[in-house]
């Protein structure tokens, strides 16, 4: 069973997740966002096996290099966004100078691909390529827990008006991949509270 801690970080309140298995001294992080001070304090005594990125928008990657250098852990991102980490224009950090300074990190150590299986912290994570919000958006499924990034939210969906966003792809990702999962799957999004697949299938006003 996963132990999941959620920390909303930065001006956009991006959800960073700390996941631990049975060995509570080891963890992985999903989406270490901007102003990661609270996250750094929380992981001070943990061994971090990996940083997984649902996508490489600036508000999800702000803490990447600080944590990677502190903990010596690898970073995983979908290959379509590998150059977003190193390029502020691509990751969006140049678009809102009032929100963020330009963000550039070192390249990721590993690419992610649809259907890939990752063995981390004693658990298996399945990668779903779920584009639409961004070309390389992915979701991670571990048991009954789904980390959906900015694809699916409680009673909402990800925006598609940013560079590389495509509305048709977003809805294909939700209907063709996420909504093939059972109702009881818990959804941990990139912003806002958690939900379930069944609740969103029945109640999300953006999904017909």
C-alpha atoms as a PDB file:
ATOM      1  CA  UNK A   1       0.000   0.000   0.000  1.00  0.00           C
ATOM      2  CA  UNK A   2       1.313   3.426  -0.954  1.00  0.00           C
ATOM      3  CA  UNK A   3       1.694   6.132   1.650  1.00  0.00           C
ATOM      4  CA  UNK A   4       0.874   9.411  -0.100  1.00  0.00           C
ATOM      5  CA  UNK A   5       1.640  12.914   1.127  1.00  0.00           C
ATOM      6  CA  UNK A   6       0.442  15.885  -0.921  1.00  0.00           C
ATOM      7  CA  UNK A   7       2.026  19.334  -0.656  1.00  0.00           C
ATOM      8  CA  UNK A   8       0.613  22.255  -2.695  1.00  0.00           C
ATOM      9  CA  UNK A   9       3.609  24.365  -3.712  1.00  0.00           C
ATOM     10  CA  UNK A  10       4.236  27.787  -5.184  1.00  0.00           C
ATOM     11  CA  UNK A  11       1.956  30.540  -6.450  1.00  0.00           C
ATOM     12  CA  UNK A  12      -0.093  28.124  -8.560  1.00  0.00           C
ATOM     13  CA  UNK A  13      -0.506  25.643  -5.691  1.00  0.00           C
ATOM     14  CA  UNK A  14       0.849  22.744  -7.703  1.00  0.00           C
ATOM     15  CA  UNK A  15       0.460  19.412  -5.931  1.00  0.00           C
ATOM     16  CA  UNK A  16       3.769  17.703  -5.213  1.00  0.00           C
ATOM     17  CA  UNK A  17       3.453  14.106  -4.044  1.00  0.00           C
ATOM     18  CA  UNK A  18       5.763  12.132  -1.778  1.00  0.00           C
ATOM     19  CA  UNK A  19       5.141   8.396  -2.158  1.00  0.00           C
ATOM     20  CA  UNK A  20       6.502   5.735   0.165  1.00  0.00           C
ATOM     21  CA  UNK A  21       6.085   1.974   0.277  1.00  0.00           C
ATOM     22  CA  UNK A  22       6.597  -0.475   3.105  1.00  0.00           C
ATOM     23  CA  UNK A  23      10.130   0.822   3.689  1.00  0.00           C
ATOM     24  CA  UNK A  24       9.266   4.316   4.885  1.00  0.00           C
ATOM     25  CA  UNK A  25      12.859   5.505   4.610  1.00  0.00           C
ATOM     26  CA  UNK A  26      12.616   5.483   0.792  1.00  0.00           C
ATOM     27  CA  UNK A  27      10.376   7.618  -1.393  1.00  0.00           C
ATOM     28  CA  UNK A  28       9.719   8.972  -4.847  1.00  0.00           C
ATOM     29  CA  UNK A  29       8.467  12.440  -5.696  1.00  0.00           C
ATOM     30  CA  UNK A  30       5.938  13.312  -8.371  1.00  0.00           C
ATOM     31  CA  UNK A  31       6.089  16.918  -9.670  1.00  0.00           C
ATOM     32  CA  UNK A  32       8.305  18.926  -7.295  1.00  0.00           C
ATOM     33  CA  UNK A  33       6.889  22.362  -7.971  1.00  0.00           C
ATOM     34  CA  UNK A  34       7.986  25.931  -7.343  1.00  0.00           C
ATOM     35  CA  UNK A  35       9.167  27.220  -3.951  1.00  0.00           C
ATOM     36  CA  UNK A  36       9.914  23.668  -2.751  1.00  0.00           C
ATOM     37  CA  UNK A  37      10.985  24.579   0.794  1.00  0.00           C
ATOM     38  CA  UNK A  38       8.191  22.601   2.519  1.00  0.00           C
ATOM     39  CA  UNK A  39       8.968  19.597   0.311  1.00  0.00           C
ATOM     40  CA  UNK A  40      12.690  19.776   1.066  1.00  0.00           C
ATOM     41  CA  UNK A  41      11.978  19.810   4.794  1.00  0.00           C
ATOM     42  CA  UNK A  42       9.638  16.839   4.488  1.00  0.00           C
ATOM     43  CA  UNK A  43      12.185  14.678   2.633  1.00  0.00           C
ATOM     44  CA  UNK A  44      15.216  15.690   4.697  1.00  0.00           C
ATOM     45  CA  UNK A  45      15.655  12.214   6.182  1.00  0.00           C
ATOM     46  CA  UNK A  46      14.376  10.195   3.223  1.00  0.00           C
ATOM     47  CA  UNK A  47      16.225   8.416   0.441  1.00  0.00           C
ATOM     48  CA  UNK A  48      14.660   9.601  -2.820  1.00  0.00           C
ATOM     49  CA  UNK A  49      14.722   6.916  -5.522  1.00  0.00           C
ATOM     50  CA  UNK A  50      13.370   9.079  -8.353  1.00  0.00           C
ATOM     51  CA  UNK A  51      11.555  12.224  -9.425  1.00  0.00           C
ATOM     52  CA  UNK A  52       8.666  11.484 -11.799  1.00  0.00           C
ATOM     53  CA  UNK A  53       7.197  14.301 -13.875  1.00  0.00           C
ATOM     54  CA  UNK A  54       3.655  14.185 -15.214  1.00  0.00           C
ATOM     55  CA  UNK A  55       4.757  16.945 -17.600  1.00  0.00           C
ATOM     56  CA  UNK A  56       7.334  19.714 -17.789  1.00  0.00           C
ATOM     57  CA  UNK A  57       5.408  22.941 -17.289  1.00  0.00           C
ATOM     58  CA  UNK A  58       7.310  25.380 -15.083  1.00  0.00           C
ATOM     59  CA  UNK A  59       5.021  25.092 -12.068  1.00  0.00           C
ATOM     60  CA  UNK A  60       5.660  21.336 -11.904  1.00  0.00           C
ATOM     61  CA  UNK A  61       9.450  21.391 -12.278  1.00  0.00           C
ATOM     62  CA  UNK A  62      10.596  24.278 -10.077  1.00  0.00           C
ATOM     63  CA  UNK A  63      12.168  22.020  -7.443  1.00  0.00           C
ATOM     64  CA  UNK A  64      13.697  19.448  -9.779  1.00  0.00           C
ATOM     65  CA  UNK A  65      17.346  20.443  -9.746  1.00  0.00           C
ATOM     66  CA  UNK A  66      17.512  21.355  -6.073  1.00  0.00           C
ATOM     67  CA  UNK A  67      16.149  17.971  -5.042  1.00  0.00           C
ATOM     68  CA  UNK A  68      18.140  16.046  -7.650  1.00  0.00           C
ATOM     69  CA  UNK A  69      21.405  17.594  -6.488  1.00  0.00           C
ATOM     70  CA  UNK A  70      20.556  17.194  -2.808  1.00  0.00           C
ATOM     71  CA  UNK A  71      19.439  13.566  -3.067  1.00  0.00           C
ATOM     72  CA  UNK A  72      21.337  12.272  -6.114  1.00  0.00           C
ATOM     73  CA  UNK A  73      18.194  10.875  -7.697  1.00  0.00           C
ATOM     74  CA  UNK A  74      17.255  10.534 -11.384  1.00  0.00           C
ATOM     75  CA  UNK A  75      14.478  12.419 -13.145  1.00  0.00           C
ATOM     76  CA  UNK A  76      11.938  10.835 -15.508  1.00  0.00           C
ATOM     77  CA  UNK A  77       9.954  12.778 -18.139  1.00  0.00           C
ATOM     78  CA  UNK A  78       8.230  11.839 -21.400  1.00  0.00           C
ATOM     79  CA  UNK A  79      10.558  12.065 -24.393  1.00  0.00           C
ATOM     80  CA  UNK A  80       8.316  14.641 -26.102  1.00  0.00           C
ATOM     81  CA  UNK A  81       9.151  17.104 -23.329  1.00  0.00           C
ATOM     82  CA  UNK A  82      12.763  16.240 -22.648  1.00  0.00           C
ATOM     83  CA  UNK A  83      13.928  19.596 -24.004  1.00  0.00           C
ATOM     84  CA  UNK A  84      11.284  21.499 -22.018  1.00  0.00           C
ATOM     85  CA  UNK A  85      13.318  21.031 -18.851  1.00  0.00           C
ATOM     86  CA  UNK A  86      16.270  22.899 -20.303  1.00  0.00           C
ATOM     87  CA  UNK A  87      14.311  25.587 -22.189  1.00  0.00           C
ATOM     88  CA  UNK A  88      12.318  28.305 -20.356  1.00  0.00           C
ATOM     89  CA  UNK A  89      10.424  29.236 -23.527  1.00  0.00           C
ATOM     90  CA  UNK A  90       9.072  25.697 -23.850  1.00  0.00           C
ATOM     91  CA  UNK A  91       8.228  25.078 -20.184  1.00  0.00           C
ATOM     92  CA  UNK A  92       6.247  28.313 -19.998  1.00  0.00           C
ATOM     93  CA  UNK A  93       8.287  30.109 -17.372  1.00  0.00           C
ATOM     94  CA  UNK A  94       8.840  33.070 -19.704  1.00  0.00           C
ATOM     95  CA  UNK A  95       5.107  33.606 -20.187  1.00  0.00           C
ATOM     96  CA  UNK A  96       4.297  34.885 -16.697  1.00  0.00           C
ATOM     97  CA  UNK A  97       7.269  36.872 -15.381  1.00  0.00           C
ATOM     98  CA  UNK A  98       5.127  38.072 -12.485  1.00  0.00           C
ATOM     99  CA  UNK A  99       4.732  34.443 -11.361  1.00  0.00           C
ATOM    100  CA  UNK A 100       8.096  32.857 -12.136  1.00  0.00           C
ATOM    101  CA  UNK A 101      11.656  33.655 -13.053  1.00  0.00           C
ATOM    102  CA  UNK A 102      12.917  31.706 -16.086  1.00  0.00           C
ATOM    103  CA  UNK A 103      13.288  28.055 -15.095  1.00  0.00           C
ATOM    104  CA  UNK A 104      15.815  25.708 -16.705  1.00  0.00           C
ATOM    105  CA  UNK A 105      17.051  22.427 -15.271  1.00  0.00           C
ATOM    106  CA  UNK A 106      19.564  19.835 -16.340  1.00  0.00           C
ATOM    107  CA  UNK A 107      18.164  17.198 -18.725  1.00  0.00           C
ATOM    108  CA  UNK A 108      16.252  14.227 -17.335  1.00  0.00           C
ATOM    109  CA  UNK A 109      18.138  10.998 -16.842  1.00  0.00           C
ATOM    110  CA  UNK A 110      15.334   8.819 -18.229  1.00  0.00           C
ATOM    111  CA  UNK A 111      12.549   9.098 -20.817  1.00  0.00           C
ATOM    112  CA  UNK A 112       9.036   7.854 -20.187  1.00  0.00           C
ATOM    113  CA  UNK A 113       6.855   6.059 -22.743  1.00  0.00           C
ATOM    114  CA  UNK A 114       3.284   4.785 -22.896  1.00  0.00           C
ATOM    115  CA  UNK A 115       2.880   1.386 -21.246  1.00  0.00           C
ATOM    116  CA  UNK A 116       6.232   1.523 -19.493  1.00  0.00           C
ATOM    117  CA  UNK A 117       6.507  -0.192 -16.107  1.00  0.00           C
ATOM    118  CA  UNK A 118       8.640   1.361 -13.379  1.00  0.00           C
ATOM    119  CA  UNK A 119       9.675  -0.595 -10.291  1.00  0.00           C
ATOM    120  CA  UNK A 120      10.213   1.921  -7.506  1.00  0.00           C
ATOM    121  CA  UNK A 121       9.884   1.864  -3.677  1.00  0.00           C
ATOM    122  CA  UNK A 122       8.762  -1.763  -3.879  1.00  0.00           C
ATOM    123  CA  UNK A 123       5.805  -0.991  -6.159  1.00  0.00           C
ATOM    124  CA  UNK A 124       5.087  -1.075  -9.882  1.00  0.00           C
ATOM    125  CA  UNK A 125       3.984   2.086 -11.666  1.00  0.00           C
ATOM    126  CA  UNK A 126       2.414   1.954 -15.130  1.00  0.00           C
ATOM    127  CA  UNK A 127       2.917   4.963 -17.405  1.00  0.00           C
ATOM    128  CA  UNK A 128      -0.035   6.190 -19.471  1.00  0.00           C
ATOM    129  CA  UNK A 129       0.749   8.743 -22.167  1.00  0.00           C
ATOM    130  CA  UNK A 130      -2.150  11.182 -21.784  1.00  0.00           C
ATOM    131  CA  UNK A 131      -1.469  14.174 -24.079  1.00  0.00           C
ATOM    132  CA  UNK A 132      -3.735  17.147 -24.592  1.00  0.00           C
ATOM    133  CA  UNK A 133      -2.762  19.547 -21.832  1.00  0.00           C
ATOM    134  CA  UNK A 134       0.767  19.196 -23.170  1.00  0.00           C
ATOM    135  CA  UNK A 135       2.314  16.825 -25.748  1.00  0.00           C
ATOM    136  CA  UNK A 136       4.216  14.728 -23.227  1.00  0.00           C
ATOM    137  CA  UNK A 137       1.707  14.613 -20.389  1.00  0.00           C
ATOM    138  CA  UNK A 138       1.623  11.260 -18.638  1.00  0.00           C
ATOM    139  CA  UNK A 139      -0.353   9.707 -15.806  1.00  0.00           C
ATOM    140  CA  UNK A 140       1.063   7.160 -13.363  1.00  0.00           C
ATOM    141  CA  UNK A 141      -1.009   4.242 -12.059  1.00  0.00           C
ATOM    142  CA  UNK A 142       0.061   2.261  -8.996  1.00  0.00           C
ATOM    143  CA  UNK A 143      -2.544  -0.169  -7.707  1.00  0.00           C
ATOM    144  CA  UNK A 144      -5.697   1.901  -7.185  1.00  0.00           C
ATOM    145  CA  UNK A 145      -3.878   5.233  -7.173  1.00  0.00           C
ATOM    146  CA  UNK A 146      -3.632   7.390 -10.315  1.00  0.00           C
ATOM    147  CA  UNK A 147      -1.504  10.518 -10.548  1.00  0.00           C
ATOM    148  CA  UNK A 148      -3.053  12.460 -13.417  1.00  0.00           C
ATOM    149  CA  UNK A 149      -1.028  15.667 -13.593  1.00  0.00           C
ATOM    150  CA  UNK A 150      -3.018  18.400 -15.342  1.00  0.00           C
ATOM    151  CA  UNK A 151      -5.161  16.059 -17.439  1.00  0.00           C
ATOM    152  CA  UNK A 152      -8.081  15.322 -15.097  1.00  0.00           C
ATOM    153  CA  UNK A 153      -9.137  17.312 -12.021  1.00  0.00           C
ATOM    154  CA  UNK A 154     -12.036  17.096  -9.619  1.00  0.00           C
ATOM    155  CA  UNK A 155     -14.953  18.418 -11.691  1.00  0.00           C
ATOM    156  CA  UNK A 156     -12.620  19.886 -14.302  1.00  0.00           C
ATOM    157  CA  UNK A 157     -10.028  19.058 -16.948  1.00  0.00           C
ATOM    158  CA  UNK A 158      -6.694  20.495 -17.986  1.00  0.00           C
ATOM    159  CA  UNK A 159      -6.480  23.648 -20.061  1.00  0.00           C
ATOM    160  CA  UNK A 160      -5.535  23.234 -23.716  1.00  0.00           C
ATOM    161  CA  UNK A 161      -4.752  26.838 -24.672  1.00  0.00           C
ATOM    162  CA  UNK A 162      -1.034  26.651 -23.853  1.00  0.00           C
ATOM    163  CA  UNK A 163       1.606  25.834 -26.501  1.00  0.00           C
ATOM    164  CA  UNK A 164       1.286  22.185 -27.529  1.00  0.00           C
ATOM    165  CA  UNK A 165      -2.172  21.814 -26.007  1.00  0.00           C
ATOM    166  CA  UNK A 166      -4.886  20.113 -28.053  1.00  0.00           C
ATOM    167  CA  UNK A 167      -8.464  19.746 -26.875  1.00  0.00           C
ATOM    168  CA  UNK A 168      -9.258  16.660 -28.957  1.00  0.00           C
ATOM    169  CA  UNK A 169      -6.175  14.886 -27.619  1.00  0.00           C
ATOM    170  CA  UNK A 170      -7.117  15.742 -24.034  1.00  0.00           C
ATOM    171  CA  UNK A 171     -10.560  14.209 -24.367  1.00  0.00           C
ATOM    172  CA  UNK A 172      -9.134  11.174 -26.165  1.00  0.00           C
ATOM    173  CA  UNK A 173      -6.736  10.704 -23.266  1.00  0.00           C
ATOM    174  CA  UNK A 174      -9.521  10.927 -20.701  1.00  0.00           C
ATOM    175  CA  UNK A 175     -12.056   8.749 -22.504  1.00  0.00           C
ATOM    176  CA  UNK A 176      -9.640   6.342 -24.194  1.00  0.00           C
ATOM    177  CA  UNK A 177      -7.282   5.742 -21.270  1.00  0.00           C
ATOM    178  CA  UNK A 178      -8.293   7.123 -17.889  1.00  0.00           C
ATOM    179  CA  UNK A 179     -11.986   6.270 -18.190  1.00  0.00           C
ATOM    180  CA  UNK A 180     -11.135   2.674 -19.083  1.00  0.00           C
ATOM    181  CA  UNK A 181     -10.008   2.302 -15.461  1.00  0.00           C
ATOM    182  CA  UNK A 182     -12.392   1.090 -12.708  1.00  0.00           C
ATOM    183  CA  UNK A 183     -14.617   3.543 -10.843  1.00  0.00           C
ATOM    184  CA  UNK A 184     -12.799   3.017  -7.554  1.00  0.00           C
ATOM    185  CA  UNK A 185      -9.451   4.298  -8.836  1.00  0.00           C
ATOM    186  CA  UNK A 186      -8.418   7.303  -6.757  1.00  0.00           C
ATOM    187  CA  UNK A 187      -7.206  10.274  -8.813  1.00  0.00           C
ATOM    188  CA  UNK A 188      -4.483  12.579  -7.462  1.00  0.00           C
ATOM    189  CA  UNK A 189      -4.355  15.616  -9.774  1.00  0.00           C
ATOM    190  CA  UNK A 190      -1.732  18.285 -10.340  1.00  0.00           C
ATOM    191  CA  UNK A 191      -3.913  20.931  -8.660  1.00  0.00           C
ATOM    192  CA  UNK A 192      -6.798  20.761  -6.212  1.00  0.00           C
ATOM    193  CA  UNK A 193      -8.324  17.889  -4.232  1.00  0.00           C
ATOM    194  CA  UNK A 194      -8.266  14.211  -5.061  1.00  0.00           C
ATOM    195  CA  UNK A 195     -11.238  12.481  -6.661  1.00  0.00           C
ATOM    196  CA  UNK A 196     -12.131   9.123  -8.229  1.00  0.00           C
ATOM    197  CA  UNK A 197     -12.627   7.893 -11.763  1.00  0.00           C
ATOM    198  CA  UNK A 198     -16.229   6.961 -10.983  1.00  0.00           C
ATOM    199  CA  UNK A 199     -17.074  10.384  -9.557  1.00  0.00           C
ATOM    200  CA  UNK A 200     -15.614  12.177 -12.576  1.00  0.00           C
ATOM    201  CA  UNK A 201     -17.273   9.839 -15.039  1.00  0.00           C
ATOM    202  CA  UNK A 202     -20.641  10.616 -13.428  1.00  0.00           C
ATOM    203  CA  UNK A 203     -20.273  14.277 -12.486  1.00  0.00           C
ATOM    204  CA  UNK A 204     -17.531  16.117 -14.390  1.00  0.00           C
ATOM    205  CA  UNK A 205     -19.324  18.850 -16.385  1.00  0.00           C
ATOM    206  CA  UNK A 206     -16.540  19.079 -18.990  1.00  0.00           C
ATOM    207  CA  UNK A 207     -16.801  15.433 -20.004  1.00  0.00           C
ATOM    208  CA  UNK A 208     -19.798  14.233 -21.975  1.00  0.00           C
END
